[in-house]
Amino acid sequence: MKESIKKKTLRLQSIYQKLIDKYPEVECALLYTTPFELLIATILSAQCTDARVNMVTPKLFNRFPDVFALADATLEELESIIYSTGFYKAKSANIIACCKSLVENYQGNIPKSIEELQSLAGVGRKTANVVLGNAFGINAGITVDTHVKRVMSLLGITTSQNAEIVERELMKIIYQDEWTNFTHRIIAHGRETCIARRPKCNDCILNTQCFHATNLKGKSTQ
């Protein structure tokens, strides 16, 4: 039986309150000190773990401390520094092009609108949401990464694997001032309990509200 929108909304709000109680203080897992550093770190995080990015960025920002320095970087040197993050050739080209555009069009500053950010090389909606929400406290959208898509699917909140569709559905349910923290809490839950290959359903605080856990329980009693 299909769940009504109202019932789904109430269920997700109840789920989210439990996550707030469990993870009262959350923050971005990427290490940064400026909006510039967060922008570059987020570009690097595509198809790469935050832990790996955090290992690479200290050397990167020591060598290229600002937009202007990175805009003048050579592809060869940048590739050698970020090699371990994967897709290093495309990332290097995008990062240099992004920084050149920031210098030419924004005087080296990071723009504060999702449209302007998405006009930069290597920056999609996900990256723009991360930068706006964490560096500037602007909740322009909800960052939908692999954790958010997986957890929302297992909970039966969404059936789509399209990040923009999932984002639109969640934005209708979650209060806007929580959009950034919502992602952090889902990621925390995904890493600690709702692990991709071995979810700890028996230990999960959401198992009574989760379609996946309920289905597993039903199968185990058959």
Protein backbone atom coordinates (compact mmCIF):
# COMPACT_ATOMS: atom_id res chain seq x y z
CA MET A 1 0.00 0.00 0.00
CA LYS A 2 1.42 3.35 -1.04
CA GLU A 3 2.22 5.72 1.79
CA SER A 4 0.48 9.10 1.65
CA ILE A 5 2.56 12.26 1.36
CA LYS A 6 1.27 13.46 4.72
CA LYS A 7 2.17 10.21 6.46
CA LYS A 8 5.60 10.14 4.81
CA THR A 9 6.22 13.75 5.89
CA LEU A 10 5.31 13.01 9.51
CA ARG A 11 7.47 9.87 9.48
CA LEU A 12 10.54 11.68 8.12
CA GLN A 13 10.10 14.51 10.62
CA SER A 14 9.97 11.93 13.41
CA ILE A 15 13.03 10.18 12.00
CA TYR A 16 14.93 13.42 11.76
CA GLN A 17 14.13 14.37 15.35
CA LYS A 18 15.73 11.10 16.47
CA LEU A 19 18.83 11.93 14.44
CA ILE A 20 18.97 15.40 15.99
CA ASP A 21 18.85 13.80 19.44
CA LYS A 22 21.62 11.34 18.54
CA TYR A 23 23.81 13.81 16.64
CA PRO A 24 23.14 17.22 18.24
CA GLU A 25 26.38 18.78 16.98
CA VAL A 26 27.34 18.13 13.37
CA GLU A 27 29.74 19.69 10.91
CA CYS A 28 31.21 19.22 7.48
CA ALA A 29 33.65 16.30 7.34
CA LEU A 30 35.92 18.15 4.91
CA LEU A 31 38.61 20.21 6.63
CA TYR A 32 38.84 23.85 5.54
CA THR A 33 39.51 27.34 6.87
CA THR A 34 38.11 29.50 4.06
CA PRO A 35 35.29 29.28 1.48
CA PHE A 36 37.99 28.88 -1.19
CA GLU A 37 39.44 25.84 0.56
CA LEU A 38 35.99 24.27 1.00
CA LEU A 39 35.16 24.81 -2.69
CA ILE A 40 38.35 23.08 -3.84
CA ALA A 41 38.04 20.29 -1.27
CA THR A 42 34.47 19.60 -2.38
CA ILE A 43 35.49 19.42 -6.03
CA LEU A 44 38.17 16.92 -5.01
CA SER A 45 35.66 14.85 -3.02
CA ALA A 46 33.84 13.65 -6.13
CA GLN A 47 34.22 9.84 -6.27
CA CYS A 48 36.61 10.09 -3.33
CA THR A 49 36.36 9.78 0.44
CA ASP A 50 36.46 12.86 2.65
CA ALA A 51 39.28 11.23 4.63
CA ARG A 52 41.44 10.97 1.51
CA VAL A 53 40.70 14.58 0.53
CA ASN A 54 41.68 15.72 4.02
CA MET A 55 45.02 13.97 3.57
CA VAL A 56 45.68 15.78 0.29
CA THR A 57 44.50 19.33 0.97
CA PRO A 58 47.14 20.40 3.55
CA LYS A 59 49.90 19.98 0.96
CA LEU A 60 47.72 21.49 -1.76
CA PHE A 61 46.85 24.64 0.18
CA ASN A 62 50.37 25.03 1.52
CA ARG A 63 51.58 25.16 -2.08
CA PHE A 64 48.60 27.14 -3.42
CA PRO A 65 47.15 29.17 -0.53
CA ASP A 66 44.53 31.14 -2.47
CA VAL A 67 42.54 31.44 -5.68
CA PHE A 68 45.19 33.53 -7.39
CA ALA A 69 47.98 31.04 -6.76
CA LEU A 70 45.90 28.08 -7.88
CA ALA A 71 44.76 29.90 -11.03
CA ASP A 72 48.42 30.04 -12.08
CA ALA A 73 49.17 26.40 -11.25
CA THR A 74 50.41 24.06 -13.94
CA LEU A 75 48.38 20.95 -14.69
CA GLU A 76 51.40 18.74 -14.12
CA GLU A 77 52.11 19.99 -10.60
CA LEU A 78 48.45 20.01 -9.56
CA GLU A 79 47.93 16.50 -10.92
CA SER A 80 50.90 15.23 -8.94
CA ILE A 81 49.46 16.64 -5.70
CA ILE A 82 45.87 15.45 -6.08
CA TYR A 83 46.62 12.18 -7.88
CA SER A 84 45.35 9.96 -5.04
CA THR A 85 41.85 11.52 -5.09
CA GLY A 86 41.07 9.87 -8.42
CA PHE A 87 40.04 11.39 -11.75
CA TYR A 88 42.98 13.72 -11.15
CA LYS A 89 43.33 14.92 -14.74
CA ALA A 90 39.72 16.12 -15.01
CA LYS A 91 39.77 17.54 -11.48
CA SER A 92 43.02 19.44 -12.12
CA ALA A 93 41.70 20.96 -15.34
CA ASN A 94 38.43 21.95 -13.66
CA ILE A 95 40.09 23.42 -10.59
CA ILE A 96 42.44 25.62 -12.60
CA ALA A 97 39.61 26.74 -14.91
CA CYS A 98 37.39 27.39 -11.88
CA CYS A 99 40.05 29.54 -10.21
CA LYS A 100 40.78 31.48 -13.39
CA SER A 101 37.07 32.29 -13.66
CA LEU A 102 36.98 33.38 -10.01
CA VAL A 103 39.90 35.73 -10.62
CA GLU A 104 38.53 37.13 -13.88
CA ASN A 105 34.88 37.45 -12.88
CA TYR A 106 34.73 37.66 -9.09
CA GLN A 107 38.01 39.32 -8.07
CA GLY A 108 39.07 36.08 -6.44
CA ASN A 109 36.00 35.89 -4.19
CA ILE A 110 33.67 32.90 -3.93
CA PRO A 111 30.17 33.87 -5.15
CA LYS A 112 27.23 33.34 -2.82
CA SER A 113 24.53 32.21 -5.23
CA ILE A 114 23.90 28.71 -6.48
CA GLU A 115 23.61 29.90 -10.07
CA GLU A 116 26.98 31.68 -10.02
CA LEU A 117 28.70 28.75 -8.32
CA GLN A 118 27.29 26.29 -10.86
CA SER A 119 28.71 28.41 -13.66
CA LEU A 120 32.21 27.47 -12.47
CA ALA A 121 34.10 24.52 -13.94
CA GLY A 122 33.72 21.36 -11.87
CA VAL A 123 30.91 22.76 -9.74
CA GLY A 124 27.51 21.09 -9.80
CA ARG A 125 24.51 21.60 -7.56
CA LYS A 126 25.86 19.27 -4.89
CA THR A 127 29.14 21.19 -4.59
CA ALA A 128 27.34 24.52 -4.62
CA ASN A 129 25.04 23.39 -1.79
CA VAL A 130 28.02 22.25 0.28
CA VAL A 131 29.84 25.57 -0.11
CA LEU A 132 26.81 27.78 0.47
CA GLY A 133 25.54 25.84 3.46
CA ASN A 134 28.83 25.31 5.27
CA ALA A 135 31.00 28.29 4.30
CA PHE A 136 28.26 30.94 4.25
CA GLY A 137 25.37 29.50 6.26
CA ILE A 138 23.07 29.82 3.22
CA ASN A 139 20.57 26.96 2.98
CA ALA A 140 19.94 27.08 -0.77
CA GLY A 141 19.30 23.35 -1.08
CA ILE A 142 19.97 19.91 0.38
CA THR A 143 23.18 18.14 -0.54
CA VAL A 144 22.26 14.69 -1.81
CA ASP A 145 25.26 12.38 -1.79
CA THR A 146 25.43 8.58 -1.88
CA HIS A 147 24.65 8.33 1.86
CA VAL A 148 21.55 10.50 1.57
CA LYS A 149 20.24 8.63 -1.48
CA ARG A 150 20.86 5.23 0.13
CA VAL A 151 19.40 6.02 3.54
CA MET A 152 16.35 7.81 2.13
CA SER A 153 15.72 4.84 -0.17
CA LEU A 154 16.03 2.26 2.62
CA LEU A 155 13.72 4.33 4.80
CA GLY A 156 11.18 4.38 2.00
CA ILE A 157 11.18 8.17 1.77
CA THR A 158 12.14 8.22 -1.91
CA THR A 159 12.38 5.71 -4.72
CA SER A 160 14.40 7.87 -7.11
CA GLN A 161 18.16 7.59 -7.65
CA ASN A 162 18.23 11.02 -9.30
CA ALA A 163 19.87 13.42 -6.85
CA GLU A 164 17.87 16.46 -7.97
CA ILE A 165 14.56 14.63 -7.64
CA VAL A 166 15.50 13.37 -4.18
CA GLU A 167 16.56 16.89 -3.21
CA ARG A 168 13.26 18.41 -4.34
CA GLU A 169 11.29 15.79 -2.39
CA LEU A 170 13.30 16.38 0.79
CA MET A 171 13.11 20.17 0.53
CA LYS A 172 9.32 19.90 0.76
CA ILE A 173 9.57 18.03 4.07
CA ILE A 174 12.62 19.33 5.95
CA TYR A 175 12.56 22.88 7.33
CA GLN A 176 14.92 25.12 5.36
CA ASP A 177 17.05 26.17 8.31
CA GLU A 178 17.95 22.47 8.78
CA TRP A 179 18.85 21.66 5.17
CA THR A 180 22.62 21.72 5.68
CA ASN A 181 22.59 19.91 9.02
CA PHE A 182 20.13 17.35 7.66
CA THR A 183 22.77 16.11 5.23
CA HIS A 184 25.43 15.97 7.94
CA ARG A 185 23.18 13.91 10.21
CA ILE A 186 22.20 11.48 7.46
CA ILE A 187 25.88 11.06 6.55
CA ALA A 188 26.77 10.45 10.21
CA HIS A 189 24.03 7.81 10.45
CA GLY A 190 25.11 6.25 7.16
CA ARG A 191 28.71 5.95 8.26
CA GLU A 192 28.01 4.74 11.80
CA THR A 193 24.93 2.52 11.48
CA CYS A 194 23.30 2.37 8.04
CA ILE A 195 26.50 1.17 6.40
CA ALA A 196 26.19 0.38 2.70
CA ARG A 197 27.32 -3.26 2.69
CA ARG A 198 26.50 -4.20 6.28
CA PRO A 199 23.73 -2.06 7.80
CA LYS A 200 23.37 -2.57 11.55
CA CYS A 201 19.58 -2.77 11.48
CA ASN A 202 19.27 -4.43 14.90
CA ASP A 203 21.16 -1.55 16.53
CA CYS A 204 19.50 1.22 14.52
CA ILE A 205 17.41 3.83 16.32
CA LEU A 206 15.26 4.08 13.20
CA ASN A 207 14.50 0.39 12.66
CA THR A 208 10.84 0.68 13.69
CA GLN A 209 10.31 3.39 11.06
CA CYS A 210 12.46 1.90 8.33
CA PHE A 211 10.89 -0.09 5.48
CA HIS A 212 14.14 -2.03 4.92
CA ALA A 213 14.48 -3.11 8.58
CA THR A 214 10.77 -3.97 8.79
CA ASN A 215 11.03 -6.14 5.67
CA LEU A 216 14.08 -7.94 7.07
CA LYS A 217 12.28 -8.59 10.34
CA GLY A 218 9.26 -9.94 8.48
CA LYS A 219 11.41 -12.32 6.45
CA SER A 220 13.24 -13.59 9.54
CA THR A 221 9.96 -14.65 11.17
CA GLN A 222 8.64 -16.51 8.15
